[in-house]
Amino acid sequence: MEHFRVSSTNLGESADIERIIQEYVPGKQVTLAHLLANPTEDLCHKVGVEHAEAIGILTLTPGETAIIAGDVATKFASVKIGFLDRFSGALVLTGSIGSVEEALSAILSTLESSLGYRVCQATRT
């Protein structure tokens, strides 16, 4: 925080004004890791992925982490990448419930223990 003195042109008085500068500094984090078990065909169609037993959704910062997460997911579990965006950090996985669960677990574990990321808990509906 910076403090500075400003002179008022109308009254010839001076006043203290507090100026707050806020900056977004992206950290290394997983903000969403969610498993959708047994999604409807309609939902899969609207999301733009093939109908599958489960969909895994992740939001990662920085965005390029989606590439690492996709690599980990496909090496540790039998899942397909439905969508990956290295700019927004979005990753969508599809596969069996067990495979998507395994992929999410492997991603969270690898990013936290090997790369020092802050991770959220995986959730499920």
C-alpha atoms as a PDB file:
ATOM      1  CA  MET A   1       0.000   0.000   0.000  1.00  0.00           C
ATOM      2  CA  GLU A   2       1.182   3.464  -0.819  1.00  0.00           C
ATOM      3  CA  HIS A   3       0.320   6.640   1.071  1.00  0.00           C
ATOM      4  CA  PHE A   4       0.697  10.070  -0.435  1.00  0.00           C
ATOM      5  CA  ARG A   5      -0.493  13.618   0.190  1.00  0.00           C
ATOM      6  CA  VAL A   6      -2.707  15.422  -2.311  1.00  0.00           C
ATOM      7  CA  SER A   7      -3.490  19.133  -2.229  1.00  0.00           C
ATOM      8  CA  SER A   8      -7.070  20.126  -2.863  1.00  0.00           C
ATOM      9  CA  THR A   9      -7.290  22.878  -5.472  1.00  0.00           C
ATOM     10  CA  ASN A  10     -10.608  24.208  -4.128  1.00  0.00           C
ATOM     11  CA  LEU A  11      -9.885  24.625  -0.457  1.00  0.00           C
ATOM     12  CA  GLY A  12      -6.137  24.840  -0.359  1.00  0.00           C
ATOM     13  CA  GLU A  13      -6.179  21.946   2.128  1.00  0.00           C
ATOM     14  CA  SER A  14      -4.244  18.753   1.900  1.00  0.00           C
ATOM     15  CA  ALA A  15      -5.600  15.299   2.663  1.00  0.00           C
ATOM     16  CA  ASP A  16      -4.123  11.845   3.077  1.00  0.00           C
ATOM     17  CA  ILE A  17      -5.330   9.455   0.409  1.00  0.00           C
ATOM     18  CA  GLU A  18      -4.697   5.745   0.529  1.00  0.00           C
ATOM     19  CA  ARG A  19      -4.056   4.054  -2.795  1.00  0.00           C
ATOM     20  CA  ILE A  20      -4.346   0.278  -2.959  1.00  0.00           C
ATOM     21  CA  ILE A  21      -2.712  -1.614  -5.791  1.00  0.00           C
ATOM     22  CA  GLN A  22      -3.936  -5.175  -6.356  1.00  0.00           C
ATOM     23  CA  GLU A  23      -2.318  -7.566  -8.767  1.00  0.00           C
ATOM     24  CA  TYR A  24      -3.269 -11.068  -9.782  1.00  0.00           C
ATOM     25  CA  VAL A  25      -0.256 -13.304  -9.402  1.00  0.00           C
ATOM     26  CA  PRO A  26      -1.089 -16.760 -10.645  1.00  0.00           C
ATOM     27  CA  GLY A  27       0.192 -19.569  -8.520  1.00  0.00           C
ATOM     28  CA  LYS A  28       0.656 -23.216  -9.282  1.00  0.00           C
ATOM     29  CA  GLN A  29      -2.684 -24.735  -8.367  1.00  0.00           C
ATOM     30  CA  VAL A  30      -5.521 -27.072  -9.202  1.00  0.00           C
ATOM     31  CA  THR A  31      -8.765 -25.230  -8.462  1.00  0.00           C
ATOM     32  CA  LEU A  32     -11.234 -27.874  -9.657  1.00  0.00           C
ATOM     33  CA  ALA A  33     -10.993 -31.653  -9.993  1.00  0.00           C
ATOM     34  CA  HIS A  34     -14.424 -33.211 -10.411  1.00  0.00           C
ATOM     35  CA  LEU A  35     -15.745 -36.565 -11.600  1.00  0.00           C
ATOM     36  CA  LEU A  36     -19.166 -36.796 -13.217  1.00  0.00           C
ATOM     37  CA  ALA A  37     -20.301 -40.410 -12.856  1.00  0.00           C
ATOM     38  CA  ASN A  38     -22.792 -41.716 -15.418  1.00  0.00           C
ATOM     39  CA  PRO A  39     -23.416 -38.466 -17.317  1.00  0.00           C
ATOM     40  CA  THR A  40     -26.392 -38.422 -19.659  1.00  0.00           C
ATOM     41  CA  GLU A  41     -25.874 -38.662 -23.402  1.00  0.00           C
ATOM     42  CA  ASP A  42     -27.365 -35.188 -23.714  1.00  0.00           C
ATOM     43  CA  LEU A  43     -24.796 -33.707 -21.310  1.00  0.00           C
ATOM     44  CA  CYS A  44     -21.925 -35.428 -23.135  1.00  0.00           C
ATOM     45  CA  HIS A  45     -23.218 -34.091 -26.439  1.00  0.00           C
ATOM     46  CA  LYS A  46     -23.503 -30.542 -25.082  1.00  0.00           C
ATOM     47  CA  VAL A  47     -20.035 -30.706 -23.523  1.00  0.00           C
ATOM     48  CA  GLY A  48     -18.708 -31.972 -26.850  1.00  0.00           C
ATOM     49  CA  VAL A  49     -17.351 -35.353 -25.751  1.00  0.00           C
ATOM     50  CA  GLU A  50     -18.280 -38.911 -26.668  1.00  0.00           C
ATOM     51  CA  HIS A  51     -20.721 -40.547 -24.272  1.00  0.00           C
ATOM     52  CA  ALA A  52     -18.742 -42.303 -21.555  1.00  0.00           C
ATOM     53  CA  GLU A  53     -19.278 -43.840 -18.133  1.00  0.00           C
ATOM     54  CA  ALA A  54     -17.531 -40.844 -16.530  1.00  0.00           C
ATOM     55  CA  ILE A  55     -16.212 -37.370 -17.272  1.00  0.00           C
ATOM     56  CA  GLY A  56     -13.357 -35.768 -15.358  1.00  0.00           C
ATOM     57  CA  ILE A  57     -13.102 -31.971 -15.273  1.00  0.00           C
ATOM     58  CA  LEU A  58     -10.045 -30.025 -14.126  1.00  0.00           C
ATOM     59  CA  THR A  59      -9.134 -26.349 -13.947  1.00  0.00           C
ATOM     60  CA  LEU A  60      -5.407 -25.711 -13.602  1.00  0.00           C
ATOM     61  CA  THR A  61      -3.132 -22.692 -13.185  1.00  0.00           C
ATOM     62  CA  PRO A  62      -0.984 -21.846 -15.056  1.00  0.00           C
ATOM     63  CA  GLY A  63      -2.890 -22.988 -18.132  1.00  0.00           C
ATOM     64  CA  GLU A  64       0.016 -24.969 -19.568  1.00  0.00           C
ATOM     65  CA  THR A  65      -0.400 -27.354 -16.641  1.00  0.00           C
ATOM     66  CA  ALA A  66      -3.280 -28.894 -18.597  1.00  0.00           C
ATOM     67  CA  ILE A  67      -0.659 -30.410 -20.929  1.00  0.00           C
ATOM     68  CA  ILE A  68       1.196 -32.020 -18.017  1.00  0.00           C
ATOM     69  CA  ALA A  69      -2.075 -33.214 -16.463  1.00  0.00           C
ATOM     70  CA  GLY A  70      -3.207 -34.734 -19.764  1.00  0.00           C
ATOM     71  CA  ASP A  71       0.103 -36.565 -20.071  1.00  0.00           C
ATOM     72  CA  VAL A  72      -0.109 -37.906 -16.510  1.00  0.00           C
ATOM     73  CA  ALA A  73      -3.748 -38.947 -16.968  1.00  0.00           C
ATOM     74  CA  THR A  74      -3.146 -40.944 -20.144  1.00  0.00           C
ATOM     75  CA  LYS A  75      -0.038 -42.641 -18.727  1.00  0.00           C
ATOM     76  CA  PHE A  76      -1.602 -43.667 -15.416  1.00  0.00           C
ATOM     77  CA  ALA A  77      -5.140 -44.560 -16.491  1.00  0.00           C
ATOM     78  CA  SER A  78      -7.123 -45.753 -19.468  1.00  0.00           C
ATOM     79  CA  VAL A  79      -8.770 -42.408 -20.248  1.00  0.00           C
ATOM     80  CA  LYS A  80      -9.231 -40.248 -23.322  1.00  0.00           C
ATOM     81  CA  ILE A  81      -8.707 -36.521 -23.485  1.00  0.00           C
ATOM     82  CA  GLY A  82     -12.036 -34.980 -24.457  1.00  0.00           C
ATOM     83  CA  PHE A  83     -10.772 -31.401 -24.334  1.00  0.00           C
ATOM     84  CA  LEU A  84      -7.540 -29.652 -23.390  1.00  0.00           C
ATOM     85  CA  ASP A  85      -6.934 -25.899 -23.473  1.00  0.00           C
ATOM     86  CA  ARG A  86      -3.440 -24.754 -22.540  1.00  0.00           C
ATOM     87  CA  PHE A  87      -4.567 -21.122 -22.431  1.00  0.00           C
ATOM     88  CA  SER A  88      -7.432 -21.469 -19.935  1.00  0.00           C
ATOM     89  CA  GLY A  89      -6.055 -24.499 -18.086  1.00  0.00           C
ATOM     90  CA  ALA A  90      -9.124 -26.626 -18.760  1.00  0.00           C
ATOM     91  CA  LEU A  91      -8.888 -30.394 -19.105  1.00  0.00           C
ATOM     92  CA  VAL A  92     -11.760 -32.816 -19.715  1.00  0.00           C
ATOM     93  CA  LEU A  93     -11.189 -36.569 -19.515  1.00  0.00           C
ATOM     94  CA  THR A  94     -13.507 -39.454 -20.390  1.00  0.00           C
ATOM     95  CA  GLY A  95     -13.512 -43.144 -19.566  1.00  0.00           C
ATOM     96  CA  SER A  96     -14.814 -45.615 -17.034  1.00  0.00           C
ATOM     97  CA  ILE A  97     -15.574 -44.344 -13.538  1.00  0.00           C
ATOM     98  CA  GLY A  98     -12.570 -46.209 -12.133  1.00  0.00           C
ATOM     99  CA  SER A  99     -10.229 -44.936 -14.848  1.00  0.00           C
ATOM    100  CA  VAL A 100     -11.256 -41.302 -14.496  1.00  0.00           C
ATOM    101  CA  GLU A 101     -10.989 -41.588 -10.705  1.00  0.00           C
ATOM    102  CA  GLU A 102      -7.506 -43.070 -11.091  1.00  0.00           C
ATOM    103  CA  ALA A 103      -6.490 -40.328 -13.542  1.00  0.00           C
ATOM    104  CA  LEU A 104      -7.677 -37.529 -11.241  1.00  0.00           C
ATOM    105  CA  SER A 105      -5.841 -39.085  -8.308  1.00  0.00           C
ATOM    106  CA  ALA A 106      -2.616 -39.459 -10.311  1.00  0.00           C
ATOM    107  CA  ILE A 107      -2.804 -35.871 -11.571  1.00  0.00           C
ATOM    108  CA  LEU A 108      -3.367 -34.403  -8.105  1.00  0.00           C
ATOM    109  CA  SER A 109      -0.656 -36.552  -6.551  1.00  0.00           C
ATOM    110  CA  THR A 110       1.935 -35.798  -9.248  1.00  0.00           C
ATOM    111  CA  LEU A 111       1.297 -32.066  -9.333  1.00  0.00           C
ATOM    112  CA  GLU A 112       1.395 -31.776  -5.542  1.00  0.00           C
ATOM    113  CA  SER A 113       4.330 -34.048  -4.705  1.00  0.00           C
ATOM    114  CA  SER A 114       6.556 -33.646  -7.761  1.00  0.00           C
ATOM    115  CA  LEU A 115       5.859 -30.070  -8.840  1.00  0.00           C
ATOM    116  CA  GLY A 116       4.815 -28.333  -5.611  1.00  0.00           C
ATOM    117  CA  TYR A 117       1.310 -27.343  -6.704  1.00  0.00           C
ATOM    118  CA  ARG A 118      -1.501 -26.501  -4.311  1.00  0.00           C
ATOM    119  CA  VAL A 119      -4.296 -28.928  -5.083  1.00  0.00           C
ATOM    120  CA  CYS A 120      -7.959 -29.178  -4.178  1.00  0.00           C
ATOM    121  CA  GLN A 121      -9.734 -32.371  -3.208  1.00  0.00           C
ATOM    122  CA  ALA A 122     -11.321 -34.337  -6.013  1.00  0.00           C
ATOM    123  CA  THR A 123     -15.115 -34.232  -5.862  1.00  0.00           C
ATOM    124  CA  ARG A 124     -17.766 -36.423  -7.451  1.00  0.00           C
ATOM    125  CA  THR A 125     -21.400 -36.323  -8.520  1.00  0.00           C
END
